[in-house]
Amino acid sequence: MKVKPKIHLIAFLLLLTAAGCIKKEEYPVEPQISFGSYGVIPGVDGYDSISVLTISYTDGDGDIGLYSYDSVEPYKYNYFLKFLEWRNGTFQEVQLADTSFTFNSRIPILTPEGKNKNIRGDISMFLEMYYAYMALKSDTIAFEVYIQDRALHKSNVLQTPAFVVNRP
């Protein structure tokens, strides 16, 4: 009968030792992003209608995201996107006729509950391609992206690979 308590004690000690070896991930307080994926949803006409751009992120203090009442600079946007097209041997920003239109957007609050605020995940942005097609002179595009947290720490700037779009 005394064998069972010893086995339980040994199993418990092994479990404690293994739990102590699990390393908690720690990230810098400045957000970091990397390219995740790019995909398109075709319209009924067969042309690319909606693009889906996914980036991966990490943040050490978890302060990514804006509250609904954050609506003026510098908190108007926290996801910054430049739409680029291939022209004359280089990528150049697409200039839209309506200069008030922007591809920038808002990420909602992502701060986790609890003491550990390290976060990582993916953010997918859906882009209606209709607005860009009127200004595009090329069928090869790319994006330049960065994000900013509530402490106004700016992430690295990421340029995606080139993509060929099926457009009118």
C-alpha atoms as a PDB file:
ATOM      1  CA  MET A   1       0.000   0.000   0.000  1.00  0.00           C
ATOM      2  CA  LYS A   2       2.867   2.408   0.579  1.00  0.00           C
ATOM      3  CA  VAL A   3       3.948   2.065  -3.069  1.00  0.00           C
ATOM      4  CA  LYS A   4       1.043   4.200  -4.395  1.00  0.00           C
ATOM      5  CA  PRO A   5       1.889   7.369  -2.414  1.00  0.00           C
ATOM      6  CA  LYS A   6       5.517   7.180  -3.590  1.00  0.00           C
ATOM      7  CA  ILE A   7       4.419   6.849  -7.225  1.00  0.00           C
ATOM      8  CA  HIS A   8       2.082   9.835  -6.859  1.00  0.00           C
ATOM      9  CA  LEU A   9       4.850  11.870  -5.200  1.00  0.00           C
ATOM     10  CA  ILE A  10       7.323  11.018  -7.967  1.00  0.00           C
ATOM     11  CA  ALA A  11       4.766  11.869 -10.671  1.00  0.00           C
ATOM     12  CA  PHE A  12       3.978  15.140  -8.906  1.00  0.00           C
ATOM     13  CA  LEU A  13       7.685  16.067  -8.643  1.00  0.00           C
ATOM     14  CA  LEU A  14       8.224  15.243 -12.338  1.00  0.00           C
ATOM     15  CA  LEU A  15       5.239  17.403 -13.261  1.00  0.00           C
ATOM     16  CA  LEU A  16       6.581  20.304 -11.164  1.00  0.00           C
ATOM     17  CA  THR A  17      10.008  19.961 -12.766  1.00  0.00           C
ATOM     18  CA  ALA A  18       8.508  19.936 -16.273  1.00  0.00           C
ATOM     19  CA  ALA A  19       6.324  22.959 -15.493  1.00  0.00           C
ATOM     20  CA  GLY A  20       9.378  24.839 -14.261  1.00  0.00           C
ATOM     21  CA  CYS A  21      11.113  24.213 -17.583  1.00  0.00           C
ATOM     22  CA  ILE A  22       8.335  25.792 -19.658  1.00  0.00           C
ATOM     23  CA  LYS A  23       9.699  29.085 -20.861  1.00  0.00           C
ATOM     24  CA  LYS A  24       7.345  32.055 -20.867  1.00  0.00           C
ATOM     25  CA  GLU A  25       7.504  33.883 -24.181  1.00  0.00           C
ATOM     26  CA  GLU A  26       8.575  37.484 -23.880  1.00  0.00           C
ATOM     27  CA  TYR A  27       8.408  40.065 -26.647  1.00  0.00           C
ATOM     28  CA  PRO A  28       9.646  43.651 -26.920  1.00  0.00           C
ATOM     29  CA  VAL A  29       7.150  46.387 -26.002  1.00  0.00           C
ATOM     30  CA  GLU A  30       7.354  47.662 -29.582  1.00  0.00           C
ATOM     31  CA  PRO A  31       5.039  45.635 -31.814  1.00  0.00           C
ATOM     32  CA  GLN A  32       6.705  43.421 -34.418  1.00  0.00           C
ATOM     33  CA  ILE A  33       4.974  42.252 -37.586  1.00  0.00           C
ATOM     34  CA  SER A  34       5.678  39.723 -40.318  1.00  0.00           C
ATOM     35  CA  PHE A  35       3.931  38.725 -43.523  1.00  0.00           C
ATOM     36  CA  GLY A  36       1.330  36.011 -43.090  1.00  0.00           C
ATOM     37  CA  SER A  37      -0.597  35.512 -46.318  1.00  0.00           C
ATOM     38  CA  TYR A  38      -2.463  37.119 -49.174  1.00  0.00           C
ATOM     39  CA  GLY A  39      -5.587  35.862 -50.880  1.00  0.00           C
ATOM     40  CA  VAL A  40      -8.377  37.129 -53.089  1.00  0.00           C
ATOM     41  CA  ILE A  41     -12.100  36.645 -53.327  1.00  0.00           C
ATOM     42  CA  PRO A  42     -13.301  36.914 -56.924  1.00  0.00           C
ATOM     43  CA  GLY A  43     -16.433  38.834 -57.814  1.00  0.00           C
ATOM     44  CA  VAL A  44     -19.258  37.527 -59.996  1.00  0.00           C
ATOM     45  CA  ASP A  45     -17.477  39.055 -62.995  1.00  0.00           C
ATOM     46  CA  GLY A  46     -14.413  36.871 -62.357  1.00  0.00           C
ATOM     47  CA  TYR A  47     -12.141  39.751 -61.362  1.00  0.00           C
ATOM     48  CA  ASP A  48     -10.492  39.983 -57.938  1.00  0.00           C
ATOM     49  CA  SER A  49     -13.051  41.758 -55.789  1.00  0.00           C
ATOM     50  CA  ILE A  50     -11.697  41.585 -52.247  1.00  0.00           C
ATOM     51  CA  SER A  51      -8.105  41.047 -51.126  1.00  0.00           C
ATOM     52  CA  VAL A  52      -7.315  39.515 -47.762  1.00  0.00           C
ATOM     53  CA  LEU A  53      -3.936  40.525 -46.335  1.00  0.00           C
ATOM     54  CA  THR A  54      -2.849  38.749 -43.143  1.00  0.00           C
ATOM     55  CA  ILE A  55       0.043  39.833 -40.957  1.00  0.00           C
ATOM     56  CA  SER A  56       1.345  38.185 -37.794  1.00  0.00           C
ATOM     57  CA  TYR A  57       2.190  40.331 -34.766  1.00  0.00           C
ATOM     58  CA  THR A  58       3.806  40.194 -31.330  1.00  0.00           C
ATOM     59  CA  ASP A  59       3.751  42.787 -28.557  1.00  0.00           C
ATOM     60  CA  GLY A  60       5.356  42.586 -25.117  1.00  0.00           C
ATOM     61  CA  ASP A  61       2.929  44.769 -23.183  1.00  0.00           C
ATOM     62  CA  GLY A  62      -0.252  43.884 -25.077  1.00  0.00           C
ATOM     63  CA  ASP A  63      -1.348  47.445 -25.760  1.00  0.00           C
ATOM     64  CA  ILE A  64      -2.404  46.911 -29.358  1.00  0.00           C
ATOM     65  CA  GLY A  65      -5.806  48.235 -30.288  1.00  0.00           C
ATOM     66  CA  LEU A  66      -7.909  51.364 -30.065  1.00  0.00           C
ATOM     67  CA  TYR A  67     -10.999  52.100 -28.014  1.00  0.00           C
ATOM     68  CA  SER A  68     -14.076  53.328 -29.858  1.00  0.00           C
ATOM     69  CA  TYR A  69     -13.632  56.811 -28.366  1.00  0.00           C
ATOM     70  CA  ASP A  70     -10.080  57.046 -29.781  1.00  0.00           C
ATOM     71  CA  SER A  71     -10.943  59.003 -32.895  1.00  0.00           C
ATOM     72  CA  VAL A  72      -8.476  61.878 -33.287  1.00  0.00           C
ATOM     73  CA  GLU A  73      -4.789  61.965 -34.124  1.00  0.00           C
ATOM     74  CA  PRO A  74      -2.560  60.320 -33.109  1.00  0.00           C
ATOM     75  CA  TYR A  75      -5.156  57.644 -32.305  1.00  0.00           C
ATOM     76  CA  LYS A  76      -7.317  57.853 -35.411  1.00  0.00           C
ATOM     77  CA  TYR A  77      -5.660  54.812 -37.024  1.00  0.00           C
ATOM     78  CA  ASN A  78      -3.282  52.131 -35.779  1.00  0.00           C
ATOM     79  CA  TYR A  79      -2.987  49.961 -38.910  1.00  0.00           C
ATOM     80  CA  PHE A  80      -1.202  51.808 -41.697  1.00  0.00           C
ATOM     81  CA  LEU A  81      -1.228  50.492 -45.246  1.00  0.00           C
ATOM     82  CA  LYS A  82       0.222  51.832 -48.462  1.00  0.00           C
ATOM     83  CA  PHE A  83      -1.037  50.292 -51.677  1.00  0.00           C
ATOM     84  CA  LEU A  84       1.852  49.868 -54.133  1.00  0.00           C
ATOM     85  CA  GLU A  85       1.978  49.033 -57.835  1.00  0.00           C
ATOM     86  CA  TRP A  86       4.845  48.021 -60.109  1.00  0.00           C
ATOM     87  CA  ARG A  87       5.728  50.887 -62.474  1.00  0.00           C
ATOM     88  CA  ASN A  88       8.932  51.670 -64.326  1.00  0.00           C
ATOM     89  CA  GLY A  89      10.849  48.876 -62.627  1.00  0.00           C
ATOM     90  CA  THR A  90       9.957  49.761 -59.031  1.00  0.00           C
ATOM     91  CA  PHE A  91       7.046  49.720 -56.606  1.00  0.00           C
ATOM     92  CA  GLN A  92       5.334  53.091 -56.246  1.00  0.00           C
ATOM     93  CA  GLU A  93       2.407  54.147 -54.089  1.00  0.00           C
ATOM     94  CA  VAL A  94      -0.966  54.155 -55.821  1.00  0.00           C
ATOM     95  CA  GLN A  95      -2.353  57.695 -55.898  1.00  0.00           C
ATOM     96  CA  LEU A  96      -6.130  57.771 -55.659  1.00  0.00           C
ATOM     97  CA  ALA A  97      -8.153  60.621 -57.153  1.00  0.00           C
ATOM     98  CA  ASP A  98     -10.020  61.054 -53.846  1.00  0.00           C
ATOM     99  CA  THR A  99      -7.202  62.159 -51.534  1.00  0.00           C
ATOM    100  CA  SER A 100      -9.450  61.836 -48.471  1.00  0.00           C
ATOM    101  CA  PHE A 101      -9.698  58.058 -49.022  1.00  0.00           C
ATOM    102  CA  THR A 102      -7.208  55.964 -47.068  1.00  0.00           C
ATOM    103  CA  PHE A 103      -6.371  52.282 -46.748  1.00  0.00           C
ATOM    104  CA  ASN A 104      -5.428  52.858 -43.085  1.00  0.00           C
ATOM    105  CA  SER A 105      -7.622  51.162 -40.531  1.00  0.00           C
ATOM    106  CA  ARG A 106      -8.297  50.541 -36.854  1.00  0.00           C
ATOM    107  CA  ILE A 107      -7.423  47.445 -34.842  1.00  0.00           C
ATOM    108  CA  PRO A 108      -9.764  46.911 -31.877  1.00  0.00           C
ATOM    109  CA  ILE A 109      -8.447  46.353 -28.348  1.00  0.00           C
ATOM    110  CA  LEU A 110      -6.446  43.109 -28.154  1.00  0.00           C
ATOM    111  CA  THR A 111      -5.058  43.455 -24.596  1.00  0.00           C
ATOM    112  CA  PRO A 112      -5.279  40.109 -22.803  1.00  0.00           C
ATOM    113  CA  GLU A 113      -6.706  39.641 -19.310  1.00  0.00           C
ATOM    114  CA  GLY A 114      -4.343  38.730 -16.484  1.00  0.00           C
ATOM    115  CA  LYS A 115      -0.816  39.582 -15.485  1.00  0.00           C
ATOM    116  CA  ASN A 116       1.037  38.338 -18.570  1.00  0.00           C
ATOM    117  CA  LYS A 117       0.405  40.867 -21.346  1.00  0.00           C
ATOM    118  CA  ASN A 118       2.647  39.269 -24.004  1.00  0.00           C
ATOM    119  CA  ILE A 119       0.516  38.714 -27.078  1.00  0.00           C
ATOM    120  CA  ARG A 120       0.889  37.303 -30.544  1.00  0.00           C
ATOM    121  CA  GLY A 121      -1.569  36.586 -33.281  1.00  0.00           C
ATOM    122  CA  ASP A 122      -2.722  37.350 -36.799  1.00  0.00           C
ATOM    123  CA  ILE A 123      -4.602  40.316 -38.190  1.00  0.00           C
ATOM    124  CA  SER A 124      -6.462  39.925 -41.480  1.00  0.00           C
ATOM    125  CA  MET A 125      -7.417  43.030 -43.411  1.00  0.00           C
ATOM    126  CA  PHE A 126     -10.098  42.855 -46.084  1.00  0.00           C
ATOM    127  CA  LEU A 127      -9.558  45.359 -48.911  1.00  0.00           C
ATOM    128  CA  GLU A 128     -12.183  46.188 -51.508  1.00  0.00           C
ATOM    129  CA  MET A 129     -10.161  46.250 -54.705  1.00  0.00           C
ATOM    130  CA  TYR A 130     -12.735  48.309 -56.608  1.00  0.00           C
ATOM    131  CA  TYR A 131     -11.318  51.553 -55.178  1.00  0.00           C
ATOM    132  CA  ALA A 132      -7.791  50.747 -56.285  1.00  0.00           C
ATOM    133  CA  TYR A 133      -8.604  49.492 -59.783  1.00  0.00           C
ATOM    134  CA  MET A 134      -9.576  52.951 -60.984  1.00  0.00           C
ATOM    135  CA  ALA A 135      -6.093  54.214 -60.132  1.00  0.00           C
ATOM    136  CA  LEU A 136      -4.010  51.133 -60.979  1.00  0.00           C
ATOM    137  CA  LYS A 137      -1.877  51.235 -64.084  1.00  0.00           C
ATOM    138  CA  SER A 138      -0.339  47.817 -63.441  1.00  0.00           C
ATOM    139  CA  ASP A 139      -1.534  44.322 -62.584  1.00  0.00           C
ATOM    140  CA  THR A 140       1.330  43.739 -60.116  1.00  0.00           C
ATOM    141  CA  ILE A 141       0.820  45.075 -56.600  1.00  0.00           C
ATOM    142  CA  ALA A 142       2.334  44.934 -53.128  1.00  0.00           C
ATOM    143  CA  PHE A 143       1.588  46.521 -49.774  1.00  0.00           C
ATOM    144  CA  GLU A 144       3.633  48.391 -47.196  1.00  0.00           C
ATOM    145  CA  VAL A 145       2.276  47.883 -43.676  1.00  0.00           C
ATOM    146  CA  TYR A 146       3.033  48.855 -40.104  1.00  0.00           C
ATOM    147  CA  ILE A 147       1.026  49.030 -36.896  1.00  0.00           C
ATOM    148  CA  GLN A 148       1.207  51.262 -33.845  1.00  0.00           C
ATOM    149  CA  ASP A 149       0.245  50.485 -30.249  1.00  0.00           C
ATOM    150  CA  ARG A 150      -1.478  52.786 -27.717  1.00  0.00           C
ATOM    151  CA  ALA A 151       1.892  53.952 -26.363  1.00  0.00           C
ATOM    152  CA  LEU A 152       2.568  55.097 -29.961  1.00  0.00           C
ATOM    153  CA  HIS A 153       5.315  52.502 -30.433  1.00  0.00           C
ATOM    154  CA  LYS A 154       5.589  51.912 -34.175  1.00  0.00           C
ATOM    155  CA  SER A 155       6.266  48.400 -35.461  1.00  0.00           C
ATOM    156  CA  ASN A 156       8.739  47.533 -38.159  1.00  0.00           C
ATOM    157  CA  VAL A 157       7.615  48.453 -41.678  1.00  0.00           C
ATOM    158  CA  LEU A 158       6.836  45.413 -43.788  1.00  0.00           C
ATOM    159  CA  GLN A 159       6.686  45.267 -47.575  1.00  0.00           C
ATOM    160  CA  THR A 160       4.829  42.237 -48.845  1.00  0.00           C
ATOM    161  CA  PRO A 161       5.877  40.134 -51.804  1.00  0.00           C
ATOM    162  CA  ALA A 162       4.490  41.081 -55.217  1.00  0.00           C
ATOM    163  CA  PHE A 163       1.034  39.827 -56.250  1.00  0.00           C
ATOM    164  CA  VAL A 164      -0.574  39.717 -59.690  1.00  0.00           C
ATOM    165  CA  VAL A 165      -4.210  40.791 -59.645  1.00  0.00           C
ATOM    166  CA  ASN A 166      -6.965  39.800 -62.037  1.00  0.00           C
ATOM    167  CA  ARG A 167      -8.570  43.153 -62.756  1.00  0.00           C
ATOM    168  CA  PRO A 168     -10.716  44.781 -65.416  1.00  0.00           C
END
